[in-house]
Amino acid sequence: MEEFALIDRIVADLSVCAQNVRARHWLLMGPKYEGWHPFLGEIYEKLADAADKAAEIIVQRGGIPVHTMSQFLERSEISEAEAAGNWETDVARTGAELKQIIDFINLHDEQGAWDGAASNDLTQIASELYHYYMFCNRSLMPR
C-alpha cells in the first residue's frame, strides 16, 4: 500500500469512528449520561481534529485525501455502527475502534511507511487517542 493510501485509510478510519462516536454522544441515555455525554463529545472533537491533521499531510504532499462519506466507508476498516444508547456498549465499541486506529498507525510507523514529519504527526495522533482508549477500558473494569 502506498503512503497516500495508508494515510487515506487513517483519514477514513478516523472519520467513520468520529461519526460513530457522535451518534453515541447524541443517543446516550441512563445513569452515566452526565459523565459520558460530554466525554464522548470530546472524543468526537479529537477524532475530527485528527482526521483533519491526517488529511492535511496528504494535501501538503500534493495529493487529494478521501473526503466524502462514501469514500470513508469504502476505505475504512471500521464499520459504520448504530449507537446502542447504553453507555457500556457504546464505551466498549468506542475503545475498540480507537485501538484499531492506534494499532494501524503504530504498525505502519514501525514499518517506516512514511517519513519523519508525517511520522511525527501520525504518531502524535495515536498517542492522543491512546488517552481516550485507556479511559474507555478503565471505565469498563469491574470495581
Protein backbone atom coordinates (compact mmCIF):
# COMPACT_ATOMS: atom_id res chain seq x y z
CA MET A 1 0.00 0.00 0.00
CA GLU A 2 1.46 3.35 -0.98
CA GLU A 3 1.88 6.16 1.53
CA PHE A 4 -1.20 8.18 0.43
CA ALA A 5 -3.36 5.05 0.51
CA LEU A 6 -2.24 4.30 4.07
CA ILE A 7 -2.94 7.84 5.22
CA ASP A 8 -6.27 7.81 3.35
CA ARG A 9 -7.14 4.71 5.35
CA ILE A 10 -6.30 6.61 8.55
CA VAL A 11 -8.44 9.58 7.45
CA ALA A 12 -11.30 7.20 6.64
CA ASP A 13 -10.99 5.27 9.91
CA LEU A 14 -10.88 8.49 11.92
CA SER A 15 -13.88 9.89 10.06
CA VAL A 16 -16.05 6.79 10.41
CA CYS A 17 -15.09 6.44 14.07
CA ALA A 18 -15.88 10.13 14.63
CA GLN A 19 -19.35 9.70 13.14
CA ASN A 20 -19.94 6.60 15.27
CA VAL A 21 -18.86 8.45 18.40
CA ARG A 22 -21.01 11.45 17.51
CA ALA A 23 -24.05 9.18 17.28
CA ARG A 24 -23.14 7.62 20.63
CA HIS A 25 -22.83 11.12 22.10
CA TRP A 26 -26.25 12.11 20.77
CA LEU A 27 -28.07 8.95 21.83
CA LEU A 28 -26.50 8.14 25.20
CA MET A 29 -29.03 7.65 27.99
CA GLY A 30 -29.06 6.38 31.53
CA PRO A 31 -27.17 6.87 34.77
CA LYS A 32 -23.79 7.56 33.12
CA TYR A 33 -25.18 10.31 30.87
CA GLU A 34 -23.75 13.24 32.85
CA GLY A 35 -20.19 11.94 32.73
CA TRP A 36 -20.08 10.21 29.36
CA HIS A 37 -22.15 12.58 27.22
CA PRO A 38 -19.57 15.39 27.36
CA PHE A 39 -16.65 12.96 27.22
CA LEU A 40 -17.99 11.34 24.03
CA GLY A 41 -18.30 14.85 22.61
CA GLU A 42 -14.66 15.47 23.49
CA ILE A 43 -13.61 12.21 21.81
CA TYR A 44 -15.61 13.16 18.71
CA GLU A 45 -13.84 16.53 18.51
CA LYS A 46 -10.42 14.88 18.94
CA LEU A 47 -11.19 12.41 16.14
CA ALA A 48 -12.39 15.18 13.81
CA ASP A 49 -9.22 17.20 14.50
CA ALA A 50 -7.08 14.10 13.94
CA ALA A 51 -8.78 13.38 10.59
CA ASP A 52 -8.11 16.99 9.57
CA LYS A 53 -4.44 16.70 10.54
CA ALA A 54 -4.00 13.41 8.64
CA ALA A 55 -5.76 14.77 5.54
CA GLU A 56 -3.52 17.85 5.60
CA ILE A 57 -0.45 15.59 5.38
CA ILE A 58 -1.71 14.34 2.03
CA VAL A 59 -2.60 17.83 0.80
CA GLN A 60 0.82 19.20 1.80
CA ARG A 61 2.40 16.47 -0.32
CA GLY A 62 0.33 17.28 -3.39
CA GLY A 63 -2.38 14.67 -3.01
CA ILE A 64 -6.14 14.76 -2.56
CA PRO A 65 -7.31 12.88 0.53
CA VAL A 66 -10.54 10.94 0.79
CA HIS A 67 -13.22 13.45 1.65
CA THR A 68 -16.70 12.05 1.03
CA MET A 69 -18.72 9.76 3.27
CA SER A 70 -18.83 7.10 0.56
CA GLN A 71 -15.02 7.23 0.27
CA PHE A 72 -14.68 6.99 4.06
CA LEU A 73 -16.93 3.93 4.21
CA GLU A 74 -15.22 2.31 1.22
CA ARG A 75 -11.69 2.67 2.63
CA SER A 76 -12.26 2.30 6.36
CA GLU A 77 -11.84 -0.94 8.24
CA ILE A 78 -14.13 0.47 10.93
CA SER A 79 -17.77 -0.31 10.30
CA GLU A 80 -20.49 2.26 10.41
CA ALA A 81 -22.24 1.44 13.68
CA GLU A 82 -25.61 2.09 15.22
CA ALA A 83 -25.37 3.64 18.67
CA ALA A 84 -26.76 1.40 21.38
CA GLY A 85 -27.67 4.20 23.78
CA ASN A 86 -26.17 2.02 26.52
CA TRP A 87 -23.02 3.52 27.99
CA GLU A 88 -21.19 0.20 28.49
CA THR A 89 -21.79 -0.97 24.93
CA ASP A 90 -21.01 2.42 23.43
CA VAL A 91 -17.85 2.89 25.51
CA ALA A 92 -16.64 -0.62 24.64
CA ARG A 93 -17.22 -0.02 20.92
CA THR A 94 -15.51 3.35 21.09
CA GLY A 95 -12.48 1.84 22.83
CA ALA A 96 -12.24 -0.97 20.27
CA GLU A 97 -12.39 1.48 17.36
CA LEU A 98 -9.77 3.74 18.90
CA LYS A 99 -7.48 0.75 19.46
CA GLN A 100 -7.87 -0.30 15.84
CA ILE A 101 -6.77 3.16 14.65
CA ILE A 102 -3.87 3.34 17.11
CA ASP A 103 -2.62 -0.11 16.14
CA PHE A 104 -2.80 0.68 12.40
CA ILE A 105 -0.82 3.90 12.81
CA ASN A 106 1.80 2.32 15.07
CA LEU A 107 2.24 -0.77 12.89
CA HIS A 108 2.87 1.23 9.74
CA ASP A 109 5.06 3.72 11.54
CA GLU A 110 7.24 0.85 12.81
CA GLN A 111 7.47 -0.42 9.21
CA GLY A 112 8.69 3.02 8.05
CA ALA A 113 5.68 3.69 5.84
CA TRP A 114 6.14 7.46 5.99
CA ASP A 115 8.95 9.94 6.61
CA GLY A 116 9.84 11.87 9.75
CA ALA A 117 7.35 14.76 9.53
CA ALA A 118 4.37 12.53 8.75
CA SER A 119 5.58 10.01 11.30
CA ASN A 120 5.65 12.69 14.00
CA ASP A 121 2.15 13.91 13.17
CA LEU A 122 0.60 10.45 12.88
CA THR A 123 2.22 9.02 16.00
CA GLN A 124 1.07 12.13 17.88
CA ILE A 125 -2.48 11.29 16.75
CA ALA A 126 -2.06 7.72 18.01
CA SER A 127 -0.64 8.98 21.30
CA GLU A 128 -3.52 11.41 21.86
CA LEU A 129 -6.12 8.76 21.02
CA TYR A 130 -4.43 6.32 23.41
CA HIS A 131 -5.50 8.51 26.35
CA TYR A 132 -9.16 8.11 25.34
CA TYR A 133 -8.76 4.41 24.61
CA MET A 134 -7.32 3.79 28.08
CA PHE A 135 -10.07 5.81 29.72
CA CYS A 136 -12.69 3.72 27.90
CA ASN A 137 -11.04 0.50 29.08
CA ARG A 138 -10.60 1.63 32.68
CA SER A 139 -14.21 2.76 32.86
CA LEU A 140 -15.38 -0.73 31.98
CA MET A 141 -13.22 -2.52 34.58
CA PRO A 142 -15.10 -4.04 37.49
CA ARG A 143 -14.58 -2.10 40.69
